[in-house]
């Protein structure tokens, strides 16, 4: 019982950490999109 609770907690923590990492990557990409669109429009 307690072992299952710990395993599920570890899974949730790893999922949340990967989700936050994905959110940071998405935010970085979105922040770079306007400059990329500007470069393409200049071409």
C-alpha atoms as a PDB file:
ATOM      1  CA  UNK A   1       0.000   0.000   0.000  1.00  0.00           C
ATOM      2  CA  UNK A   2       2.566   2.557   1.088  1.00  0.00           C
ATOM      3  CA  UNK A   3       4.982   1.451  -1.638  1.00  0.00           C
ATOM      4  CA  UNK A   4       2.310   1.960  -4.291  1.00  0.00           C
ATOM      5  CA  UNK A   5       1.596   5.429  -2.919  1.00  0.00           C
ATOM      6  CA  UNK A   6       5.284   6.330  -3.115  1.00  0.00           C
ATOM      7  CA  UNK A   7       5.593   4.986  -6.660  1.00  0.00           C
ATOM      8  CA  UNK A   8       2.544   6.918  -7.823  1.00  0.00           C
ATOM      9  CA  UNK A   9       3.915  10.066  -6.159  1.00  0.00           C
ATOM     10  CA  UNK A  10       7.243   9.616  -7.950  1.00  0.00           C
ATOM     11  CA  UNK A  11       5.409   9.143 -11.246  1.00  0.00           C
ATOM     12  CA  UNK A  12       3.387  12.313 -10.704  1.00  0.00           C
ATOM     13  CA  UNK A  13       6.520  14.262  -9.810  1.00  0.00           C
ATOM     14  CA  UNK A  14       8.395  13.046 -12.886  1.00  0.00           C
ATOM     15  CA  UNK A  15       5.376  13.806 -15.091  1.00  0.00           C
ATOM     16  CA  UNK A  16       5.003  17.303 -13.648  1.00  0.00           C
ATOM     17  CA  UNK A  17       8.728  17.999 -14.035  1.00  0.00           C
ATOM     18  CA  UNK A  18       8.682  16.877 -17.685  1.00  0.00           C
ATOM     19  CA  UNK A  19       5.512  18.902 -18.248  1.00  0.00           C
ATOM     20  CA  UNK A  20       7.153  22.020 -16.803  1.00  0.00           C
ATOM     21  CA  UNK A  21      10.206  21.407 -18.978  1.00  0.00           C
ATOM     22  CA  UNK A  22       7.948  21.098 -22.033  1.00  0.00           C
ATOM     23  CA  UNK A  23       6.174  24.311 -21.034  1.00  0.00           C
ATOM     24  CA  UNK A  24       9.503  26.131 -20.772  1.00  0.00           C
ATOM     25  CA  UNK A  25      10.573  24.811 -24.179  1.00  0.00           C
ATOM     26  CA  UNK A  26       7.249  25.842 -25.712  1.00  0.00           C
ATOM     27  CA  UNK A  27       7.552  29.307 -24.159  1.00  0.00           C
ATOM     28  CA  UNK A  28      11.074  29.648 -25.581  1.00  0.00           C
ATOM     29  CA  UNK A  29       9.904  28.593 -29.051  1.00  0.00           C
ATOM     30  CA  UNK A  30       6.895  30.932 -28.930  1.00  0.00           C
ATOM     31  CA  UNK A  31       9.131  33.801 -27.861  1.00  0.00           C
ATOM     32  CA  UNK A  32      11.343  33.130 -30.900  1.00  0.00           C
ATOM     33  CA  UNK A  33       8.453  32.892 -33.379  1.00  0.00           C
ATOM     34  CA  UNK A  34       7.896  36.664 -33.917  1.00  0.00           C
ATOM     35  CA  UNK A  35      11.543  37.250 -34.876  1.00  0.00           C
ATOM     36  CA  UNK A  36      11.469  34.224 -37.192  1.00  0.00           C
ATOM     37  CA  UNK A  37       8.279  35.463 -38.869  1.00  0.00           C
ATOM     38  CA  UNK A  38       9.890  38.877 -39.245  1.00  0.00           C
ATOM     39  CA  UNK A  39      12.932  37.342 -40.926  1.00  0.00           C
ATOM     40  CA  UNK A  40      10.735  35.352 -43.299  1.00  0.00           C
ATOM     41  CA  UNK A  41       8.661  38.400 -44.208  1.00  0.00           C
ATOM     42  CA  UNK A  42      11.865  40.326 -44.948  1.00  0.00           C
ATOM     43  CA  UNK A  43      12.971  37.587 -47.340  1.00  0.00           C
END
